[in-house]
């Protein structure tokens, strides 16, 4: 049995610290009010001393699971921060780079000629400069921030549930935030179970509901959380009824929230444009881009540079939680695309 004492401001702080350090199965043995030790602190406010305990093997299991997630993410961060190599330009891959768009190819050629570059063999730095000057107001230069309540919406199969698990893991493991999960995806039992499993590993709360009237009660259960993430059912852009169903849930939530439209980069440009239009009713304010690892060409990337006025919060490129997701700055996205070009 492992026993720990915490001297804290209130019980909420004790539970947050214990859940992070000991795991969700820690139990409270005792609590009492105490004063700070120095004589000159006698007139200061009392604090709470909370004693908790947990079986040693249970805590070891919690630490192992948490360590695996954190190690995987840190390895990915090391790879990400390495500078891209520029030995091989993207010569011969212009159609892949520009998504087969002749207009964008022509713009690149004109820009290269003006700069006296070899447009047949551009480097990473030249491609980045071209994007920054040609699309100065692009989506990857805008900033989006998580609010306390954040909802992921989008079609079936774009990876909302996995992406939400990645966000929860990064925010909880690396930033120490108290995270709570909500799912309304009652159409897919597997998605609910998947999310509950992630929550169990992290030691956080996951609430599922099947009616908008349950929203207030669900949010009350997560009152101690400083970050709430909600997964939603996937809906085709043609399925107006299901999108409307999601809106009914959102109407029961506070106004201060972020709605993220999740788009797959492997979906064709025309379909993504239809999704952007159909989901406007939900009032999304930022995008999350998934499945960069499945991209055959980069038409969606250029389309977002040219036509999207909303910020992109994250981009994802695999199933592994939590590491295969990053904040979508232009440098990070371009670095990833450039490496793919070098290996393609």
C-alpha atoms as a PDB file:
ATOM      1  CA  UNK A   1       0.000   0.000   0.000  1.00  0.00           C
ATOM      2  CA  UNK A   2       1.325   3.455  -0.975  1.00  0.00           C
ATOM      3  CA  UNK A   3       0.207   6.403   1.164  1.00  0.00           C
ATOM      4  CA  UNK A   4       0.646  10.074   0.274  1.00  0.00           C
ATOM      5  CA  UNK A   5      -0.245  13.313   2.003  1.00  0.00           C
ATOM      6  CA  UNK A   6      -1.136  16.499   0.159  1.00  0.00           C
ATOM      7  CA  UNK A   7      -1.367  19.944   1.759  1.00  0.00           C
ATOM      8  CA  UNK A   8      -3.634  21.888  -0.552  1.00  0.00           C
ATOM      9  CA  UNK A   9      -6.089  24.766  -0.788  1.00  0.00           C
ATOM     10  CA  UNK A  10      -9.135  22.522  -1.203  1.00  0.00           C
ATOM     11  CA  UNK A  11     -10.249  18.952  -1.910  1.00  0.00           C
ATOM     12  CA  UNK A  12     -10.480  19.595  -5.660  1.00  0.00           C
ATOM     13  CA  UNK A  13      -6.747  20.334  -5.841  1.00  0.00           C
ATOM     14  CA  UNK A  14      -5.971  17.208  -3.799  1.00  0.00           C
ATOM     15  CA  UNK A  15      -8.030  14.975  -6.086  1.00  0.00           C
ATOM     16  CA  UNK A  16      -6.504  16.426  -9.254  1.00  0.00           C
ATOM     17  CA  UNK A  17      -2.957  15.900  -7.963  1.00  0.00           C
ATOM     18  CA  UNK A  18      -3.713  12.425  -6.644  1.00  0.00           C
ATOM     19  CA  UNK A  19      -5.392  11.292  -9.861  1.00  0.00           C
ATOM     20  CA  UNK A  20      -2.392  12.474 -11.903  1.00  0.00           C
ATOM     21  CA  UNK A  21       0.314  11.053  -9.581  1.00  0.00           C
ATOM     22  CA  UNK A  22      -1.399   7.971  -8.125  1.00  0.00           C
ATOM     23  CA  UNK A  23      -4.183   7.104 -10.558  1.00  0.00           C
ATOM     24  CA  UNK A  24      -7.958   7.156 -10.477  1.00  0.00           C
ATOM     25  CA  UNK A  25      -8.199   4.296  -7.945  1.00  0.00           C
ATOM     26  CA  UNK A  26      -6.613   6.186  -5.034  1.00  0.00           C
ATOM     27  CA  UNK A  27      -8.846   6.364  -1.960  1.00  0.00           C
ATOM     28  CA  UNK A  28      -9.108   9.073   0.706  1.00  0.00           C
ATOM     29  CA  UNK A  29      -8.032   7.923   4.174  1.00  0.00           C
ATOM     30  CA  UNK A  30      -8.392  11.194   6.040  1.00  0.00           C
ATOM     31  CA  UNK A  31      -8.608  14.954   5.767  1.00  0.00           C
ATOM     32  CA  UNK A  32      -8.054  17.742   8.256  1.00  0.00           C
ATOM     33  CA  UNK A  33      -7.437  21.466   8.370  1.00  0.00           C
ATOM     34  CA  UNK A  34      -3.870  22.549   9.135  1.00  0.00           C
ATOM     35  CA  UNK A  35      -1.993  25.822   9.482  1.00  0.00           C
ATOM     36  CA  UNK A  36       1.379  26.572   7.870  1.00  0.00           C
ATOM     37  CA  UNK A  37       4.340  25.636  10.082  1.00  0.00           C
ATOM     38  CA  UNK A  38       6.025  29.005  10.759  1.00  0.00           C
ATOM     39  CA  UNK A  39       4.877  31.083  13.752  1.00  0.00           C
ATOM     40  CA  UNK A  40       4.496  34.190  11.615  1.00  0.00           C
ATOM     41  CA  UNK A  41       2.094  32.300   9.365  1.00  0.00           C
ATOM     42  CA  UNK A  42      -0.440  31.718  12.163  1.00  0.00           C
ATOM     43  CA  UNK A  43      -2.738  34.379  10.775  1.00  0.00           C
ATOM     44  CA  UNK A  44      -2.708  32.986   7.295  1.00  0.00           C
ATOM     45  CA  UNK A  45      -5.597  30.981   5.925  1.00  0.00           C
ATOM     46  CA  UNK A  46      -5.793  27.307   6.928  1.00  0.00           C
ATOM     47  CA  UNK A  47      -5.023  24.615   4.409  1.00  0.00           C
ATOM     48  CA  UNK A  48      -6.320  21.097   3.946  1.00  0.00           C
ATOM     49  CA  UNK A  49      -4.162  18.037   4.589  1.00  0.00           C
ATOM     50  CA  UNK A  50      -5.508  15.059   2.662  1.00  0.00           C
ATOM     51  CA  UNK A  51      -4.124  11.549   3.031  1.00  0.00           C
ATOM     52  CA  UNK A  52      -4.714   9.084   0.172  1.00  0.00           C
ATOM     53  CA  UNK A  53      -3.715   5.494  -0.458  1.00  0.00           C
ATOM     54  CA  UNK A  54      -3.483   3.073  -3.350  1.00  0.00           C
ATOM     55  CA  UNK A  55      -2.336  -0.508  -3.827  1.00  0.00           C
ATOM     56  CA  UNK A  56       1.243  -0.556  -5.110  1.00  0.00           C
ATOM     57  CA  UNK A  57       0.557  -2.758  -8.157  1.00  0.00           C
ATOM     58  CA  UNK A  58      -2.377  -0.546  -9.197  1.00  0.00           C
ATOM     59  CA  UNK A  59      -0.242   2.578  -9.077  1.00  0.00           C
ATOM     60  CA  UNK A  60       2.560   0.865 -10.998  1.00  0.00           C
ATOM     61  CA  UNK A  61       0.086  -0.035 -13.752  1.00  0.00           C
ATOM     62  CA  UNK A  62      -1.088   3.607 -13.892  1.00  0.00           C
ATOM     63  CA  UNK A  63       2.495   4.881 -14.145  1.00  0.00           C
ATOM     64  CA  UNK A  64       3.406   2.354 -16.863  1.00  0.00           C
ATOM     65  CA  UNK A  65       0.471   3.322 -19.048  1.00  0.00           C
ATOM     66  CA  UNK A  66       1.117   7.023 -18.547  1.00  0.00           C
ATOM     67  CA  UNK A  67       4.847   6.609 -19.229  1.00  0.00           C
ATOM     68  CA  UNK A  68       4.225   4.741 -22.499  1.00  0.00           C
ATOM     69  CA  UNK A  69       1.995   7.535 -23.786  1.00  0.00           C
ATOM     70  CA  UNK A  70       4.405  10.261 -22.720  1.00  0.00           C
ATOM     71  CA  UNK A  71       7.485   8.498 -24.140  1.00  0.00           C
ATOM     72  CA  UNK A  72       5.788   7.965 -27.493  1.00  0.00           C
ATOM     73  CA  UNK A  73       4.882  11.626 -27.718  1.00  0.00           C
ATOM     74  CA  UNK A  74       8.361  12.831 -26.722  1.00  0.00           C
ATOM     75  CA  UNK A  75       9.985  10.608 -29.363  1.00  0.00           C
ATOM     76  CA  UNK A  76       7.742  12.124 -31.998  1.00  0.00           C
ATOM     77  CA  UNK A  77       8.583  15.631 -30.773  1.00  0.00           C
ATOM     78  CA  UNK A  78      12.307  14.877 -31.189  1.00  0.00           C
ATOM     79  CA  UNK A  79      11.727  13.810 -34.789  1.00  0.00           C
ATOM     80  CA  UNK A  80       9.507  16.793 -35.489  1.00  0.00           C
ATOM     81  CA  UNK A  81      11.984  19.405 -34.283  1.00  0.00           C
ATOM     82  CA  UNK A  82      14.761  18.050 -36.503  1.00  0.00           C
ATOM     83  CA  UNK A  83      15.257  20.404 -39.439  1.00  0.00           C
ATOM     84  CA  UNK A  84      14.092  19.100 -42.832  1.00  0.00           C
ATOM     85  CA  UNK A  85      16.844  17.988 -45.168  1.00  0.00           C
ATOM     86  CA  UNK A  86      17.000  19.800 -48.473  1.00  0.00           C
ATOM     87  CA  UNK A  87      19.348  17.635 -50.500  1.00  0.00           C
ATOM     88  CA  UNK A  88      16.573  16.454 -52.798  1.00  0.00           C
ATOM     89  CA  UNK A  89      14.311  19.107 -54.354  1.00  0.00           C
ATOM     90  CA  UNK A  90      10.837  18.159 -55.501  1.00  0.00           C
ATOM     91  CA  UNK A  91      11.851  17.982 -59.146  1.00  0.00           C
ATOM     92  CA  UNK A  92       9.479  15.788 -61.140  1.00  0.00           C
ATOM     93  CA  UNK A  93       6.790  15.921 -58.436  1.00  0.00           C
ATOM     94  CA  UNK A  94       5.153  19.247 -59.213  1.00  0.00           C
ATOM     95  CA  UNK A  95       1.802  17.637 -59.994  1.00  0.00           C
ATOM     96  CA  UNK A  96       1.849  15.857 -56.632  1.00  0.00           C
ATOM     97  CA  UNK A  97       2.861  19.027 -54.793  1.00  0.00           C
ATOM     98  CA  UNK A  98       0.259  21.276 -56.396  1.00  0.00           C
ATOM     99  CA  UNK A  99      -2.525  18.723 -56.522  1.00  0.00           C
ATOM    100  CA  UNK A 100      -2.577  18.713 -60.305  1.00  0.00           C
ATOM    101  CA  UNK A 101      -3.866  22.308 -60.396  1.00  0.00           C
ATOM    102  CA  UNK A 102      -2.467  23.942 -63.530  1.00  0.00           C
ATOM    103  CA  UNK A 103      -3.313  27.430 -62.256  1.00  0.00           C
ATOM    104  CA  UNK A 104      -1.230  26.950 -59.108  1.00  0.00           C
ATOM    105  CA  UNK A 105       1.573  25.384 -61.144  1.00  0.00           C
ATOM    106  CA  UNK A 106       1.577  28.435 -63.392  1.00  0.00           C
ATOM    107  CA  UNK A 107       1.684  30.751 -60.377  1.00  0.00           C
ATOM    108  CA  UNK A 108       4.650  28.825 -58.987  1.00  0.00           C
ATOM    109  CA  UNK A 109       6.477  28.981 -62.313  1.00  0.00           C
ATOM    110  CA  UNK A 110       5.944  32.746 -62.627  1.00  0.00           C
ATOM    111  CA  UNK A 111       7.126  33.318 -59.063  1.00  0.00           C
ATOM    112  CA  UNK A 112      10.197  31.124 -59.591  1.00  0.00           C
ATOM    113  CA  UNK A 113      11.131  32.984 -62.754  1.00  0.00           C
ATOM    114  CA  UNK A 114      10.792  36.316 -61.001  1.00  0.00           C
ATOM    115  CA  UNK A 115      13.124  35.066 -58.240  1.00  0.00           C
ATOM    116  CA  UNK A 116      15.481  33.475 -60.775  1.00  0.00           C
ATOM    117  CA  UNK A 117      15.014  30.066 -59.118  1.00  0.00           C
ATOM    118  CA  UNK A 118      15.219  26.706 -60.782  1.00  0.00           C
ATOM    119  CA  UNK A 119      11.485  25.969 -60.686  1.00  0.00           C
ATOM    120  CA  UNK A 120      12.143  22.373 -61.719  1.00  0.00           C
ATOM    121  CA  UNK A 121      14.045  21.724 -58.470  1.00  0.00           C
ATOM    122  CA  UNK A 122      12.850  23.965 -55.664  1.00  0.00           C
ATOM    123  CA  UNK A 123      14.052  23.668 -52.086  1.00  0.00           C
ATOM    124  CA  UNK A 124      12.021  23.621 -48.882  1.00  0.00           C
ATOM    125  CA  UNK A 125      12.946  27.247 -48.091  1.00  0.00           C
ATOM    126  CA  UNK A 126      11.831  28.413 -51.544  1.00  0.00           C
ATOM    127  CA  UNK A 127       8.500  26.599 -51.320  1.00  0.00           C
ATOM    128  CA  UNK A 128       7.889  28.129 -47.872  1.00  0.00           C
ATOM    129  CA  UNK A 129       8.745  31.623 -49.106  1.00  0.00           C
ATOM    130  CA  UNK A 130       6.404  31.190 -52.082  1.00  0.00           C
ATOM    131  CA  UNK A 131       3.498  30.218 -49.809  1.00  0.00           C
ATOM    132  CA  UNK A 132       4.099  33.019 -47.290  1.00  0.00           C
ATOM    133  CA  UNK A 133       4.232  35.697 -49.993  1.00  0.00           C
ATOM    134  CA  UNK A 134       1.494  34.322 -52.250  1.00  0.00           C
ATOM    135  CA  UNK A 135      -0.949  33.442 -49.446  1.00  0.00           C
ATOM    136  CA  UNK A 136      -0.123  35.940 -46.666  1.00  0.00           C
ATOM    137  CA  UNK A 137      -3.491  35.425 -44.939  1.00  0.00           C
ATOM    138  CA  UNK A 138      -3.466  31.625 -45.079  1.00  0.00           C
ATOM    139  CA  UNK A 139      -5.161  29.379 -42.521  1.00  0.00           C
ATOM    140  CA  UNK A 140      -1.886  28.060 -41.114  1.00  0.00           C
ATOM    141  CA  UNK A 141      -0.791  31.539 -40.013  1.00  0.00           C
ATOM    142  CA  UNK A 142      -3.964  32.085 -37.980  1.00  0.00           C
ATOM    143  CA  UNK A 143      -4.106  31.117 -34.330  1.00  0.00           C
ATOM    144  CA  UNK A 144      -6.779  28.986 -32.650  1.00  0.00           C
ATOM    145  CA  UNK A 145      -6.859  28.148 -28.958  1.00  0.00           C
ATOM    146  CA  UNK A 146      -8.725  25.534 -26.991  1.00  0.00           C
ATOM    147  CA  UNK A 147     -11.484  26.899 -24.817  1.00  0.00           C
ATOM    148  CA  UNK A 148     -12.827  25.104 -21.752  1.00  0.00           C
ATOM    149  CA  UNK A 149     -15.457  23.334 -23.887  1.00  0.00           C
ATOM    150  CA  UNK A 150     -14.475  21.990 -27.308  1.00  0.00           C
ATOM    151  CA  UNK A 151     -16.587  19.947 -29.713  1.00  0.00           C
ATOM    152  CA  UNK A 152     -15.382  17.891 -32.680  1.00  0.00           C
ATOM    153  CA  UNK A 153     -17.812  17.555 -35.582  1.00  0.00           C
ATOM    154  CA  UNK A 154     -17.466  16.101 -39.062  1.00  0.00           C
ATOM    155  CA  UNK A 155     -18.340  13.184 -41.354  1.00  0.00           C
ATOM    156  CA  UNK A 156     -18.017   9.527 -40.429  1.00  0.00           C
ATOM    157  CA  UNK A 157     -14.509   8.117 -40.756  1.00  0.00           C
ATOM    158  CA  UNK A 158     -12.443  11.308 -40.540  1.00  0.00           C
ATOM    159  CA  UNK A 159     -10.947  10.268 -37.178  1.00  0.00           C
ATOM    160  CA  UNK A 160     -12.790  12.450 -34.647  1.00  0.00           C
ATOM    161  CA  UNK A 161     -12.655   9.918 -31.802  1.00  0.00           C
ATOM    162  CA  UNK A 162      -8.943   9.165 -32.201  1.00  0.00           C
ATOM    163  CA  UNK A 163      -8.157  12.870 -32.574  1.00  0.00           C
ATOM    164  CA  UNK A 164     -10.058  13.663 -29.390  1.00  0.00           C
ATOM    165  CA  UNK A 165      -8.065  11.000 -27.539  1.00  0.00           C
ATOM    166  CA  UNK A 166      -4.845  12.601 -28.809  1.00  0.00           C
ATOM    167  CA  UNK A 167      -5.894  16.053 -27.601  1.00  0.00           C
ATOM    168  CA  UNK A 168      -6.945  14.670 -24.207  1.00  0.00           C
ATOM    169  CA  UNK A 169      -3.666  12.784 -23.800  1.00  0.00           C
ATOM    170  CA  UNK A 170      -1.452  15.714 -24.729  1.00  0.00           C
ATOM    171  CA  UNK A 171      -3.336  18.184 -22.546  1.00  0.00           C
ATOM    172  CA  UNK A 172      -3.451  15.825 -19.554  1.00  0.00           C
ATOM    173  CA  UNK A 173      -0.014  14.223 -19.733  1.00  0.00           C
ATOM    174  CA  UNK A 174       2.068  17.147 -20.919  1.00  0.00           C
ATOM    175  CA  UNK A 175       0.213  20.164 -19.564  1.00  0.00           C
ATOM    176  CA  UNK A 176      -1.315  18.664 -16.441  1.00  0.00           C
ATOM    177  CA  UNK A 177      -4.820  19.847 -17.253  1.00  0.00           C
ATOM    178  CA  UNK A 178      -7.865  18.153 -15.738  1.00  0.00           C
ATOM    179  CA  UNK A 179      -9.680  16.775 -18.787  1.00  0.00           C
ATOM    180  CA  UNK A 180     -13.215  15.414 -19.120  1.00  0.00           C
ATOM    181  CA  UNK A 181     -14.758  13.665 -22.133  1.00  0.00           C
ATOM    182  CA  UNK A 182     -18.311  13.603 -23.485  1.00  0.00           C
ATOM    183  CA  UNK A 183     -19.611  11.487 -26.343  1.00  0.00           C
ATOM    184  CA  UNK A 184     -22.959  11.702 -28.109  1.00  0.00           C
ATOM    185  CA  UNK A 185     -21.963   9.201 -30.804  1.00  0.00           C
ATOM    186  CA  UNK A 186     -24.576   6.627 -29.834  1.00  0.00           C
ATOM    187  CA  UNK A 187     -24.747   5.386 -33.439  1.00  0.00           C
ATOM    188  CA  UNK A 188     -21.418   3.596 -33.014  1.00  0.00           C
ATOM    189  CA  UNK A 189     -21.045   1.567 -29.840  1.00  0.00           C
ATOM    190  CA  UNK A 190     -17.396   0.870 -30.726  1.00  0.00           C
ATOM    191  CA  UNK A 191     -16.599   4.590 -30.699  1.00  0.00           C
ATOM    192  CA  UNK A 192     -18.048   4.977 -27.203  1.00  0.00           C
ATOM    193  CA  UNK A 193     -16.072   1.992 -25.914  1.00  0.00           C
ATOM    194  CA  UNK A 194     -12.890   3.258 -27.574  1.00  0.00           C
ATOM    195  CA  UNK A 195     -13.243   6.620 -25.857  1.00  0.00           C
ATOM    196  CA  UNK A 196     -13.994   5.013 -22.505  1.00  0.00           C
ATOM    197  CA  UNK A 197     -10.835   2.909 -22.832  1.00  0.00           C
ATOM    198  CA  UNK A 198      -8.704   5.995 -23.459  1.00  0.00           C
ATOM    199  CA  UNK A 199     -10.332   7.685 -20.470  1.00  0.00           C
ATOM    200  CA  UNK A 200      -9.634   4.653 -18.276  1.00  0.00           C
ATOM    201  CA  UNK A 201      -5.944   4.621 -19.246  1.00  0.00           C
ATOM    202  CA  UNK A 202      -5.587   8.320 -18.477  1.00  0.00           C
ATOM    203  CA  UNK A 203      -7.688   8.153 -15.326  1.00  0.00           C
ATOM    204  CA  UNK A 204     -10.162  10.790 -16.480  1.00  0.00           C
ATOM    205  CA  UNK A 205     -13.968  10.903 -16.664  1.00  0.00           C
ATOM    206  CA  UNK A 206     -15.935  10.006 -19.797  1.00  0.00           C
ATOM    207  CA  UNK A 207     -19.681  10.678 -19.973  1.00  0.00           C
ATOM    208  CA  UNK A 208     -21.992   9.415 -22.726  1.00  0.00           C
ATOM    209  CA  UNK A 209     -25.476  10.761 -23.389  1.00  0.00           C
ATOM    210  CA  UNK A 210     -28.201  10.035 -25.903  1.00  0.00           C
ATOM    211  CA  UNK A 211     -30.489  13.043 -25.520  1.00  0.00           C
ATOM    212  CA  UNK A 212     -29.826  16.811 -25.511  1.00  0.00           C
ATOM    213  CA  UNK A 213     -31.787  17.141 -22.253  1.00  0.00           C
ATOM    214  CA  UNK A 214     -28.943  15.272 -20.483  1.00  0.00           C
ATOM    215  CA  UNK A 215     -26.332  17.880 -21.407  1.00  0.00           C
ATOM    216  CA  UNK A 216     -26.572  20.054 -18.278  1.00  0.00           C
ATOM    217  CA  UNK A 217     -26.280  17.028 -15.989  1.00  0.00           C
ATOM    218  CA  UNK A 218     -23.255  15.794 -17.964  1.00  0.00           C
ATOM    219  CA  UNK A 219     -21.504  19.159 -17.749  1.00  0.00           C
ATOM    220  CA  UNK A 220     -22.232  19.264 -14.016  1.00  0.00           C
ATOM    221  CA  UNK A 221     -20.420  15.922 -13.636  1.00  0.00           C
ATOM    222  CA  UNK A 222     -17.378  17.538 -15.264  1.00  0.00           C
ATOM    223  CA  UNK A 223     -17.553  20.767 -13.242  1.00  0.00           C
ATOM    224  CA  UNK A 224     -14.044  20.200 -11.828  1.00  0.00           C
ATOM    225  CA  UNK A 225     -12.495  19.852 -15.298  1.00  0.00           C
ATOM    226  CA  UNK A 226     -10.696  22.791 -16.872  1.00  0.00           C
ATOM    227  CA  UNK A 227     -10.906  21.195 -20.332  1.00  0.00           C
ATOM    228  CA  UNK A 228     -13.937  19.373 -21.760  1.00  0.00           C
ATOM    229  CA  UNK A 229     -13.864  17.593 -25.135  1.00  0.00           C
ATOM    230  CA  UNK A 230     -16.985  16.285 -26.859  1.00  0.00           C
ATOM    231  CA  UNK A 231     -17.153  13.658 -29.617  1.00  0.00           C
ATOM    232  CA  UNK A 232     -20.129  13.660 -31.989  1.00  0.00           C
ATOM    233  CA  UNK A 233     -21.721  11.275 -34.454  1.00  0.00           C
ATOM    234  CA  UNK A 234     -20.426  11.386 -38.010  1.00  0.00           C
ATOM    235  CA  UNK A 235     -22.797  12.783 -40.615  1.00  0.00           C
ATOM    236  CA  UNK A 236     -22.635  12.941 -44.388  1.00  0.00           C
ATOM    237  CA  UNK A 237     -22.928  16.503 -45.736  1.00  0.00           C
ATOM    238  CA  UNK A 238     -26.164  15.325 -47.375  1.00  0.00           C
ATOM    239  CA  UNK A 239     -27.617  14.067 -44.092  1.00  0.00           C
ATOM    240  CA  UNK A 240     -29.188  17.310 -42.910  1.00  0.00           C
ATOM    241  CA  UNK A 241     -31.287  15.581 -40.236  1.00  0.00           C
ATOM    242  CA  UNK A 242     -28.291  14.136 -38.414  1.00  0.00           C
ATOM    243  CA  UNK A 243     -26.413  17.439 -38.562  1.00  0.00           C
ATOM    244  CA  UNK A 244     -29.510  19.088 -37.122  1.00  0.00           C
ATOM    245  CA  UNK A 245     -29.544  16.494 -34.317  1.00  0.00           C
ATOM    246  CA  UNK A 246     -25.994  17.547 -33.376  1.00  0.00           C
ATOM    247  CA  UNK A 247     -27.063  21.187 -33.353  1.00  0.00           C
ATOM    248  CA  UNK A 248     -29.725  20.379 -30.737  1.00  0.00           C
ATOM    249  CA  UNK A 249     -26.969  19.135 -28.400  1.00  0.00           C
ATOM    250  CA  UNK A 250     -24.853  22.225 -29.024  1.00  0.00           C
ATOM    251  CA  UNK A 251     -27.812  24.481 -28.232  1.00  0.00           C
ATOM    252  CA  UNK A 252     -27.825  23.021 -24.706  1.00  0.00           C
ATOM    253  CA  UNK A 253     -24.205  24.032 -24.110  1.00  0.00           C
ATOM    254  CA  UNK A 254     -22.777  27.395 -22.995  1.00  0.00           C
ATOM    255  CA  UNK A 255     -22.103  29.955 -25.721  1.00  0.00           C
ATOM    256  CA  UNK A 256     -18.417  30.039 -24.834  1.00  0.00           C
ATOM    257  CA  UNK A 257     -17.170  26.985 -26.695  1.00  0.00           C
ATOM    258  CA  UNK A 258     -15.130  25.963 -29.717  1.00  0.00           C
ATOM    259  CA  UNK A 259     -16.641  23.841 -32.474  1.00  0.00           C
ATOM    260  CA  UNK A 260     -13.957  22.173 -34.606  1.00  0.00           C
ATOM    261  CA  UNK A 261     -14.843  20.850 -38.041  1.00  0.00           C
ATOM    262  CA  UNK A 262     -12.698  17.766 -38.674  1.00  0.00           C
ATOM    263  CA  UNK A 263     -11.703  17.178 -42.297  1.00  0.00           C
ATOM    264  CA  UNK A 264      -9.778  14.303 -43.846  1.00  0.00           C
ATOM    265  CA  UNK A 265      -7.013  15.385 -46.211  1.00  0.00           C
ATOM    266  CA  UNK A 266      -7.535  12.174 -48.191  1.00  0.00           C
ATOM    267  CA  UNK A 267     -11.062  13.254 -49.161  1.00  0.00           C
ATOM    268  CA  UNK A 268     -11.349  14.949 -52.558  1.00  0.00           C
ATOM    269  CA  UNK A 269     -11.456  18.748 -52.666  1.00  0.00           C
ATOM    270  CA  UNK A 270     -15.047  18.976 -53.929  1.00  0.00           C
ATOM    271  CA  UNK A 271     -16.398  16.772 -51.133  1.00  0.00           C
ATOM    272  CA  UNK A 272     -14.525  18.758 -48.482  1.00  0.00           C
ATOM    273  CA  UNK A 273     -16.014  21.941 -49.894  1.00  0.00           C
ATOM    274  CA  UNK A 274     -19.482  20.384 -49.549  1.00  0.00           C
ATOM    275  CA  UNK A 275     -18.693  19.421 -45.938  1.00  0.00           C
ATOM    276  CA  UNK A 276     -17.543  22.966 -45.124  1.00  0.00           C
ATOM    277  CA  UNK A 277     -20.829  24.295 -46.450  1.00  0.00           C
ATOM    278  CA  UNK A 278     -23.139  21.699 -44.844  1.00  0.00           C
ATOM    279  CA  UNK A 279     -21.645  22.056 -41.365  1.00  0.00           C
ATOM    280  CA  UNK A 280     -21.892  25.853 -41.206  1.00  0.00           C
ATOM    281  CA  UNK A 281     -25.155  25.424 -39.285  1.00  0.00           C
ATOM    282  CA  UNK A 282     -23.071  24.180 -36.318  1.00  0.00           C
ATOM    283  CA  UNK A 283     -21.068  27.402 -36.144  1.00  0.00           C
ATOM    284  CA  UNK A 284     -17.583  25.881 -36.336  1.00  0.00           C
ATOM    285  CA  UNK A 285     -14.767  28.371 -35.748  1.00  0.00           C
ATOM    286  CA  UNK A 286     -11.655  26.332 -36.594  1.00  0.00           C
ATOM    287  CA  UNK A 287     -10.544  23.183 -38.419  1.00  0.00           C
ATOM    288  CA  UNK A 288      -8.715  19.981 -37.561  1.00  0.00           C
ATOM    289  CA  UNK A 289      -7.088  18.180 -40.506  1.00  0.00           C
ATOM    290  CA  UNK A 290      -6.593  14.422 -40.351  1.00  0.00           C
ATOM    291  CA  UNK A 291      -5.071  11.601 -42.425  1.00  0.00           C
ATOM    292  CA  UNK A 292      -2.133  13.500 -43.860  1.00  0.00           C
ATOM    293  CA  UNK A 293      -0.449  10.085 -44.009  1.00  0.00           C
ATOM    294  CA  UNK A 294      -3.062   8.882 -46.519  1.00  0.00           C
ATOM    295  CA  UNK A 295      -2.756  11.799 -48.927  1.00  0.00           C
ATOM    296  CA  UNK A 296      -2.119  10.908 -52.575  1.00  0.00           C
ATOM    297  CA  UNK A 297      -1.781  14.562 -53.617  1.00  0.00           C
ATOM    298  CA  UNK A 298      -1.951  17.924 -51.858  1.00  0.00           C
ATOM    299  CA  UNK A 299      -4.916  19.585 -53.543  1.00  0.00           C
ATOM    300  CA  UNK A 300      -6.713  20.019 -50.203  1.00  0.00           C
ATOM    301  CA  UNK A 301      -3.686  21.747 -48.698  1.00  0.00           C
ATOM    302  CA  UNK A 302      -3.597  24.344 -51.471  1.00  0.00           C
ATOM    303  CA  UNK A 303      -7.352  24.757 -51.418  1.00  0.00           C
ATOM    304  CA  UNK A 304      -7.189  25.614 -47.716  1.00  0.00           C
ATOM    305  CA  UNK A 305      -4.354  28.062 -48.327  1.00  0.00           C
ATOM    306  CA  UNK A 306      -6.362  29.803 -51.022  1.00  0.00           C
ATOM    307  CA  UNK A 307      -9.978  29.673 -49.837  1.00  0.00           C
ATOM    308  CA  UNK A 308     -10.199  29.011 -46.104  1.00  0.00           C
ATOM    309  CA  UNK A 309     -10.432  31.976 -43.740  1.00  0.00           C
ATOM    310  CA  UNK A 310     -10.598  29.910 -40.536  1.00  0.00           C
ATOM    311  CA  UNK A 311      -7.592  28.840 -38.475  1.00  0.00           C
ATOM    312  CA  UNK A 312      -6.388  25.240 -38.455  1.00  0.00           C
ATOM    313  CA  UNK A 313      -5.766  24.033 -34.896  1.00  0.00           C
ATOM    314  CA  UNK A 314      -4.226  20.577 -35.427  1.00  0.00           C
ATOM    315  CA  UNK A 315      -3.128  18.229 -38.171  1.00  0.00           C
ATOM    316  CA  UNK A 316      -2.965  14.449 -37.706  1.00  0.00           C
ATOM    317  CA  UNK A 317      -1.049  11.797 -39.614  1.00  0.00           C
ATOM    318  CA  UNK A 318      -1.702   8.375 -38.075  1.00  0.00           C
ATOM    319  CA  UNK A 319      -3.611   6.330 -35.502  1.00  0.00           C
ATOM    320  CA  UNK A 320      -1.083   6.358 -32.662  1.00  0.00           C
ATOM    321  CA  UNK A 321      -2.204   8.169 -29.519  1.00  0.00           C
ATOM    322  CA  UNK A 322      -1.038  10.712 -28.509  1.00  0.00           C
ATOM    323  CA  UNK A 323       1.961  11.425 -30.680  1.00  0.00           C
ATOM    324  CA  UNK A 324       0.709  11.573 -34.274  1.00  0.00           C
ATOM    325  CA  UNK A 325      -0.880  15.013 -33.997  1.00  0.00           C
ATOM    326  CA  UNK A 326       0.631  18.487 -33.907  1.00  0.00           C
ATOM    327  CA  UNK A 327      -0.457  22.090 -33.772  1.00  0.00           C
ATOM    328  CA  UNK A 328      -0.838  23.182 -37.375  1.00  0.00           C
ATOM    329  CA  UNK A 329       1.685  25.944 -37.916  1.00  0.00           C
ATOM    330  CA  UNK A 330       2.825  26.481 -41.496  1.00  0.00           C
ATOM    331  CA  UNK A 331       6.355  25.336 -40.600  1.00  0.00           C
ATOM    332  CA  UNK A 332       5.172  22.066 -39.074  1.00  0.00           C
ATOM    333  CA  UNK A 333       2.780  21.183 -41.884  1.00  0.00           C
ATOM    334  CA  UNK A 334       5.312  22.030 -44.570  1.00  0.00           C
ATOM    335  CA  UNK A 335       8.045  20.075 -42.793  1.00  0.00           C
ATOM    336  CA  UNK A 336       5.798  17.019 -42.767  1.00  0.00           C
ATOM    337  CA  UNK A 337       4.785  17.400 -46.423  1.00  0.00           C
ATOM    338  CA  UNK A 338       8.382  17.976 -47.458  1.00  0.00           C
ATOM    339  CA  UNK A 339       9.566  14.782 -45.802  1.00  0.00           C
ATOM    340  CA  UNK A 340       6.771  12.879 -47.512  1.00  0.00           C
ATOM    341  CA  UNK A 341       7.931  14.269 -50.849  1.00  0.00           C
ATOM    342  CA  UNK A 342      11.498  13.174 -50.149  1.00  0.00           C
ATOM    343  CA  UNK A 343      10.373   9.605 -49.463  1.00  0.00           C
ATOM    344  CA  UNK A 344       7.629   9.448 -52.100  1.00  0.00           C
END
